[in-house]
Amino acid sequence: MFRIFLFIFCIICLACPALYAQDERADALEKERNTINLQIQKGDFLLNELKINANRLPMPQKVEYLHTEKYFYNFDRKGEGLPKPILKAVIIKTEKATETTYTEYMFDNAGSCIFFAQSVQDYQNAIDERLRIFIEAGKPIRWYKNDTDITYDTEKPEKATQKALKSAKNLQNKFLKQVE
């Protein structure tokens, strides 16, 4: 019995520093996300906005539809030549007759996606789903589902992370075409 207890104790002792380091990295990403959000609220970034059906007129499919994409960015004025655009955040909101989807991407200065969030509210079917993922080096390091921290659960959002990173890359390419 003592050996089993000792074995479990050793495993916990070995795992704790790794989990603590992961928490520190996730906390640093959350701090960076909060800084970006504060800068957005203060109007510190340039903003490109794309709206589809801004007048909210009925579409041929007989459904109300509004799609908005907001690109928040600044320029890296270090170095020689023209300043390089740095995408910091993309916020996408799609409103349909009974459903609203809100998606958020945040990027560090190197252009890596560090945060992804998506909220889907379906008013007709009473569905309210939220997913938030903190990403480091292309891997999820902390994630929440419906505001519950599920980082240490067995469910890992690998597919959702890869899908988010692919979408983030497409949005970055779309943004670069806007500022060329």
C-alpha atoms as a PDB file:
ATOM      1  CA  MET A   1       0.000   0.000   0.000  1.00  0.00           C
ATOM      2  CA  PHE A   2       2.832   2.333   0.882  1.00  0.00           C
ATOM      3  CA  ARG A   3       4.463   1.725  -2.522  1.00  0.00           C
ATOM      4  CA  ILE A   4       1.261   2.635  -4.336  1.00  0.00           C
ATOM      5  CA  PHE A   5       0.945   5.830  -2.315  1.00  0.00           C
ATOM      6  CA  LEU A   6       4.615   6.656  -2.958  1.00  0.00           C
ATOM      7  CA  PHE A   7       4.206   5.993  -6.696  1.00  0.00           C
ATOM      8  CA  ILE A   8       1.136   8.290  -6.930  1.00  0.00           C
ATOM      9  CA  PHE A   9       2.907  10.954  -4.882  1.00  0.00           C
ATOM     10  CA  CYS A  10       5.943  10.851  -7.233  1.00  0.00           C
ATOM     11  CA  ILE A  11       3.722  11.162 -10.304  1.00  0.00           C
ATOM     12  CA  ILE A  12       1.959  14.180  -8.830  1.00  0.00           C
ATOM     13  CA  CYS A  13       5.263  15.807  -7.860  1.00  0.00           C
ATOM     14  CA  LEU A  14       6.651  15.303 -11.355  1.00  0.00           C
ATOM     15  CA  ALA A  15       3.491  16.561 -13.104  1.00  0.00           C
ATOM     16  CA  CYS A  16       2.909  19.667 -10.988  1.00  0.00           C
ATOM     17  CA  PRO A  17       5.848  21.754 -12.318  1.00  0.00           C
ATOM     18  CA  ALA A  18       4.789  21.048 -15.915  1.00  0.00           C
ATOM     19  CA  LEU A  19       1.182  21.974 -15.163  1.00  0.00           C
ATOM     20  CA  TYR A  20       2.318  25.097 -13.309  1.00  0.00           C
ATOM     21  CA  ALA A  21       4.508  26.175 -16.247  1.00  0.00           C
ATOM     22  CA  GLN A  22       1.571  25.639 -18.609  1.00  0.00           C
ATOM     23  CA  ASP A  23      -0.619  27.787 -16.342  1.00  0.00           C
ATOM     24  CA  GLU A  24       2.010  30.542 -16.319  1.00  0.00           C
ATOM     25  CA  ARG A  25       2.169  30.560 -20.131  1.00  0.00           C
ATOM     26  CA  ALA A  26      -1.628  30.580 -20.383  1.00  0.00           C
ATOM     27  CA  ASP A  27      -1.795  33.432 -17.848  1.00  0.00           C
ATOM     28  CA  ALA A  28       0.719  35.404 -19.939  1.00  0.00           C
ATOM     29  CA  LEU A  29      -1.419  34.854 -23.069  1.00  0.00           C
ATOM     30  CA  GLU A  30      -4.548  35.910 -21.173  1.00  0.00           C
ATOM     31  CA  LYS A  31      -2.753  39.067 -20.025  1.00  0.00           C
ATOM     32  CA  GLU A  32      -1.751  39.815 -23.630  1.00  0.00           C
ATOM     33  CA  ARG A  33      -5.357  39.224 -24.746  1.00  0.00           C
ATOM     34  CA  ASN A  34      -6.616  41.628 -22.077  1.00  0.00           C
ATOM     35  CA  THR A  35      -4.066  44.239 -23.184  1.00  0.00           C
ATOM     36  CA  ILE A  36      -5.222  43.917 -26.799  1.00  0.00           C
ATOM     37  CA  ASN A  37      -8.875  44.235 -25.722  1.00  0.00           C
ATOM     38  CA  LEU A  38      -8.050  47.362 -23.720  1.00  0.00           C
ATOM     39  CA  GLN A  39      -6.233  48.868 -26.705  1.00  0.00           C
ATOM     40  CA  ILE A  40      -9.248  48.075 -28.918  1.00  0.00           C
ATOM     41  CA  GLN A  41     -11.576  49.820 -26.451  1.00  0.00           C
ATOM     42  CA  LYS A  42      -9.273  52.852 -26.301  1.00  0.00           C
ATOM     43  CA  GLY A  43      -9.127  53.039 -30.105  1.00  0.00           C
ATOM     44  CA  ASP A  44      -5.361  52.500 -30.274  1.00  0.00           C
ATOM     45  CA  PHE A  45      -5.531  50.352 -33.420  1.00  0.00           C
ATOM     46  CA  LEU A  46      -6.413  51.081 -36.998  1.00  0.00           C
ATOM     47  CA  LEU A  47      -9.635  49.378 -38.034  1.00  0.00           C
ATOM     48  CA  ASN A  48     -10.822  47.899 -41.311  1.00  0.00           C
ATOM     49  CA  GLU A  49     -14.443  46.827 -41.294  1.00  0.00           C
ATOM     50  CA  LEU A  50     -16.322  44.705 -43.797  1.00  0.00           C
ATOM     51  CA  LYS A  51     -20.112  44.542 -43.618  1.00  0.00           C
ATOM     52  CA  ILE A  52     -22.354  42.374 -45.714  1.00  0.00           C
ATOM     53  CA  ASN A  53     -25.997  43.496 -45.856  1.00  0.00           C
ATOM     54  CA  ALA A  54     -25.365  46.501 -43.589  1.00  0.00           C
ATOM     55  CA  ASN A  55     -28.920  47.768 -44.232  1.00  0.00           C
ATOM     56  CA  ARG A  56     -30.356  44.449 -42.999  1.00  0.00           C
ATOM     57  CA  LEU A  57     -32.638  44.077 -45.983  1.00  0.00           C
ATOM     58  CA  PRO A  58     -34.272  40.672 -46.500  1.00  0.00           C
ATOM     59  CA  MET A  59     -32.091  38.323 -48.492  1.00  0.00           C
ATOM     60  CA  PRO A  60     -33.509  36.141 -51.320  1.00  0.00           C
ATOM     61  CA  GLN A  61     -33.505  33.181 -48.921  1.00  0.00           C
ATOM     62  CA  LYS A  62     -36.189  35.038 -46.898  1.00  0.00           C
ATOM     63  CA  VAL A  63     -33.870  35.265 -43.917  1.00  0.00           C
ATOM     64  CA  GLU A  64     -32.402  38.249 -42.122  1.00  0.00           C
ATOM     65  CA  TYR A  65     -28.638  38.274 -42.446  1.00  0.00           C
ATOM     66  CA  LEU A  66     -25.799  40.538 -41.349  1.00  0.00           C
ATOM     67  CA  HIS A  67     -22.097  39.650 -41.443  1.00  0.00           C
ATOM     68  CA  THR A  68     -19.413  41.942 -39.986  1.00  0.00           C
ATOM     69  CA  GLU A  69     -15.645  41.467 -39.948  1.00  0.00           C
ATOM     70  CA  LYS A  70     -13.427  43.879 -38.010  1.00  0.00           C
ATOM     71  CA  TYR A  71      -9.653  43.838 -38.470  1.00  0.00           C
ATOM     72  CA  PHE A  72      -7.653  45.663 -35.770  1.00  0.00           C
ATOM     73  CA  TYR A  73      -4.042  46.406 -36.627  1.00  0.00           C
ATOM     74  CA  ASN A  74      -1.078  48.720 -36.340  1.00  0.00           C
ATOM     75  CA  PHE A  75       2.253  49.104 -38.108  1.00  0.00           C
ATOM     76  CA  ASP A  76       5.721  47.987 -37.083  1.00  0.00           C
ATOM     77  CA  ARG A  77       7.800  51.072 -37.717  1.00  0.00           C
ATOM     78  CA  LYS A  78      11.078  49.420 -36.732  1.00  0.00           C
ATOM     79  CA  GLY A  79      13.555  48.532 -39.398  1.00  0.00           C
ATOM     80  CA  GLU A  80      14.122  49.868 -42.856  1.00  0.00           C
ATOM     81  CA  GLY A  81      11.676  50.394 -45.680  1.00  0.00           C
ATOM     82  CA  LEU A  82       7.927  50.640 -45.445  1.00  0.00           C
ATOM     83  CA  PRO A  83       6.282  49.916 -42.095  1.00  0.00           C
ATOM     84  CA  LYS A  84       4.976  46.368 -41.864  1.00  0.00           C
ATOM     85  CA  PRO A  85       1.285  45.892 -40.943  1.00  0.00           C
ATOM     86  CA  ILE A  86       0.696  43.830 -37.783  1.00  0.00           C
ATOM     87  CA  LEU A  87      -2.724  42.248 -37.380  1.00  0.00           C
ATOM     88  CA  LYS A  88      -3.662  42.168 -33.675  1.00  0.00           C
ATOM     89  CA  ALA A  89      -7.290  40.995 -33.686  1.00  0.00           C
ATOM     90  CA  VAL A  90     -10.157  39.951 -35.937  1.00  0.00           C
ATOM     91  CA  ILE A  91     -13.722  39.975 -34.660  1.00  0.00           C
ATOM     92  CA  ILE A  92     -16.451  38.407 -36.784  1.00  0.00           C
ATOM     93  CA  LYS A  93     -20.149  38.584 -36.052  1.00  0.00           C
ATOM     94  CA  THR A  94     -22.779  36.831 -38.149  1.00  0.00           C
ATOM     95  CA  GLU A  95     -26.449  37.350 -37.418  1.00  0.00           C
ATOM     96  CA  LYS A  96     -29.080  35.191 -39.038  1.00  0.00           C
ATOM     97  CA  ALA A  97     -32.798  35.096 -38.312  1.00  0.00           C
ATOM     98  CA  THR A  98     -32.529  32.969 -35.172  1.00  0.00           C
ATOM     99  CA  GLU A  99     -28.770  32.547 -34.698  1.00  0.00           C
ATOM    100  CA  THR A 100     -25.830  34.767 -33.816  1.00  0.00           C
ATOM    101  CA  THR A 101     -22.213  33.630 -34.130  1.00  0.00           C
ATOM    102  CA  TYR A 102     -19.410  35.693 -32.608  1.00  0.00           C
ATOM    103  CA  THR A 103     -15.816  34.717 -33.393  1.00  0.00           C
ATOM    104  CA  GLU A 104     -12.649  36.338 -32.101  1.00  0.00           C
ATOM    105  CA  TYR A 105      -8.996  35.829 -33.050  1.00  0.00           C
ATOM    106  CA  MET A 106      -6.036  37.558 -31.397  1.00  0.00           C
ATOM    107  CA  PHE A 107      -2.452  37.625 -32.619  1.00  0.00           C
ATOM    108  CA  ASP A 108       0.936  38.419 -31.126  1.00  0.00           C
ATOM    109  CA  ASN A 109       3.422  40.766 -32.819  1.00  0.00           C
ATOM    110  CA  ALA A 110       4.977  37.853 -34.711  1.00  0.00           C
ATOM    111  CA  GLY A 111       1.608  37.099 -36.350  1.00  0.00           C
ATOM    112  CA  SER A 112       0.873  33.904 -34.412  1.00  0.00           C
ATOM    113  CA  CYS A 113      -2.687  33.280 -33.335  1.00  0.00           C
ATOM    114  CA  ILE A 114      -2.659  33.226 -29.523  1.00  0.00           C
ATOM    115  CA  PHE A 115      -6.380  33.201 -28.796  1.00  0.00           C
ATOM    116  CA  PHE A 116      -9.567  31.930 -30.410  1.00  0.00           C
ATOM    117  CA  ALA A 117     -13.105  32.267 -29.116  1.00  0.00           C
ATOM    118  CA  GLN A 118     -16.443  31.386 -30.621  1.00  0.00           C
ATOM    119  CA  SER A 119     -19.933  31.840 -29.277  1.00  0.00           C
ATOM    120  CA  VAL A 120     -23.018  30.441 -30.999  1.00  0.00           C
ATOM    121  CA  GLN A 121     -26.478  31.429 -29.822  1.00  0.00           C
ATOM    122  CA  ASP A 122     -29.436  29.753 -31.469  1.00  0.00           C
ATOM    123  CA  TYR A 123     -32.529  31.441 -30.091  1.00  0.00           C
ATOM    124  CA  GLN A 124     -34.991  29.066 -31.718  1.00  0.00           C
ATOM    125  CA  ASN A 125     -33.418  25.924 -30.264  1.00  0.00           C
ATOM    126  CA  ALA A 126     -32.236  27.523 -26.987  1.00  0.00           C
ATOM    127  CA  ILE A 127     -28.570  26.736 -27.687  1.00  0.00           C
ATOM    128  CA  ASP A 128     -25.792  28.844 -26.212  1.00  0.00           C
ATOM    129  CA  GLU A 129     -22.334  27.375 -26.813  1.00  0.00           C
ATOM    130  CA  ARG A 130     -19.016  29.064 -26.114  1.00  0.00           C
ATOM    131  CA  LEU A 131     -15.464  27.874 -26.734  1.00  0.00           C
ATOM    132  CA  ARG A 132     -12.254  29.738 -25.854  1.00  0.00           C
ATOM    133  CA  ILE A 133      -8.767  28.432 -26.617  1.00  0.00           C
ATOM    134  CA  PHE A 134      -5.400  29.919 -25.659  1.00  0.00           C
ATOM    135  CA  ILE A 135      -2.782  28.827 -28.177  1.00  0.00           C
ATOM    136  CA  GLU A 136       0.998  28.683 -27.992  1.00  0.00           C
ATOM    137  CA  ALA A 137       3.186  27.465 -30.875  1.00  0.00           C
ATOM    138  CA  GLY A 138       0.115  26.094 -32.650  1.00  0.00           C
ATOM    139  CA  LYS A 139      -1.016  23.990 -29.665  1.00  0.00           C
ATOM    140  CA  PRO A 140      -3.856  24.590 -27.200  1.00  0.00           C
ATOM    141  CA  ILE A 141      -2.569  25.245 -23.673  1.00  0.00           C
ATOM    142  CA  ARG A 142      -5.810  26.297 -21.952  1.00  0.00           C
ATOM    143  CA  TRP A 143      -9.390  25.956 -23.089  1.00  0.00           C
ATOM    144  CA  TYR A 144     -12.842  26.701 -21.823  1.00  0.00           C
ATOM    145  CA  LYS A 145     -16.165  25.310 -22.909  1.00  0.00           C
ATOM    146  CA  ASN A 146     -19.217  27.317 -21.840  1.00  0.00           C
ATOM    147  CA  ASP A 147     -16.999  29.250 -19.360  1.00  0.00           C
ATOM    148  CA  THR A 148     -15.825  26.047 -17.645  1.00  0.00           C
ATOM    149  CA  ASP A 149     -12.074  25.464 -17.611  1.00  0.00           C
ATOM    150  CA  ILE A 150     -11.681  22.036 -19.185  1.00  0.00           C
ATOM    151  CA  THR A 151      -7.918  22.232 -19.728  1.00  0.00           C
ATOM    152  CA  TYR A 152      -7.179  19.170 -17.647  1.00  0.00           C
ATOM    153  CA  ASP A 153     -10.153  17.095 -18.779  1.00  0.00           C
ATOM    154  CA  THR A 154      -9.647  14.293 -21.240  1.00  0.00           C
ATOM    155  CA  GLU A 155     -11.381  16.242 -24.021  1.00  0.00           C
ATOM    156  CA  LYS A 156      -8.763  18.103 -26.046  1.00  0.00           C
ATOM    157  CA  PRO A 157      -9.746  20.644 -28.675  1.00  0.00           C
ATOM    158  CA  GLU A 158      -7.131  19.613 -31.251  1.00  0.00           C
ATOM    159  CA  LYS A 159      -9.561  19.688 -34.187  1.00  0.00           C
ATOM    160  CA  ALA A 160     -11.073  22.995 -33.080  1.00  0.00           C
ATOM    161  CA  THR A 161      -7.577  24.466 -32.641  1.00  0.00           C
ATOM    162  CA  GLN A 162      -6.416  23.346 -36.089  1.00  0.00           C
ATOM    163  CA  LYS A 163      -9.615  24.681 -37.666  1.00  0.00           C
ATOM    164  CA  ALA A 164      -9.141  28.001 -35.811  1.00  0.00           C
ATOM    165  CA  LEU A 165      -5.503  28.266 -36.911  1.00  0.00           C
ATOM    166  CA  LYS A 166      -6.463  27.572 -40.533  1.00  0.00           C
ATOM    167  CA  SER A 167      -9.183  30.242 -40.383  1.00  0.00           C
ATOM    168  CA  ALA A 168      -6.750  32.652 -38.696  1.00  0.00           C
ATOM    169  CA  LYS A 169      -4.242  32.154 -41.518  1.00  0.00           C
ATOM    170  CA  ASN A 170      -6.962  32.799 -44.126  1.00  0.00           C
ATOM    171  CA  LEU A 171      -7.989  35.972 -42.291  1.00  0.00           C
ATOM    172  CA  GLN A 172      -4.363  37.131 -42.137  1.00  0.00           C
ATOM    173  CA  ASN A 173      -4.006  36.639 -45.903  1.00  0.00           C
ATOM    174  CA  LYS A 174      -7.291  38.489 -46.486  1.00  0.00           C
ATOM    175  CA  PHE A 175      -6.043  41.320 -44.267  1.00  0.00           C
ATOM    176  CA  LEU A 176      -2.708  41.583 -46.079  1.00  0.00           C
ATOM    177  CA  LYS A 177      -4.595  41.982 -49.367  1.00  0.00           C
ATOM    178  CA  GLN A 178      -6.582  44.828 -47.792  1.00  0.00           C
ATOM    179  CA  VAL A 179      -3.504  46.820 -46.771  1.00  0.00           C
ATOM    180  CA  GLU A 180      -1.345  46.230 -49.871  1.00  0.00           C
END
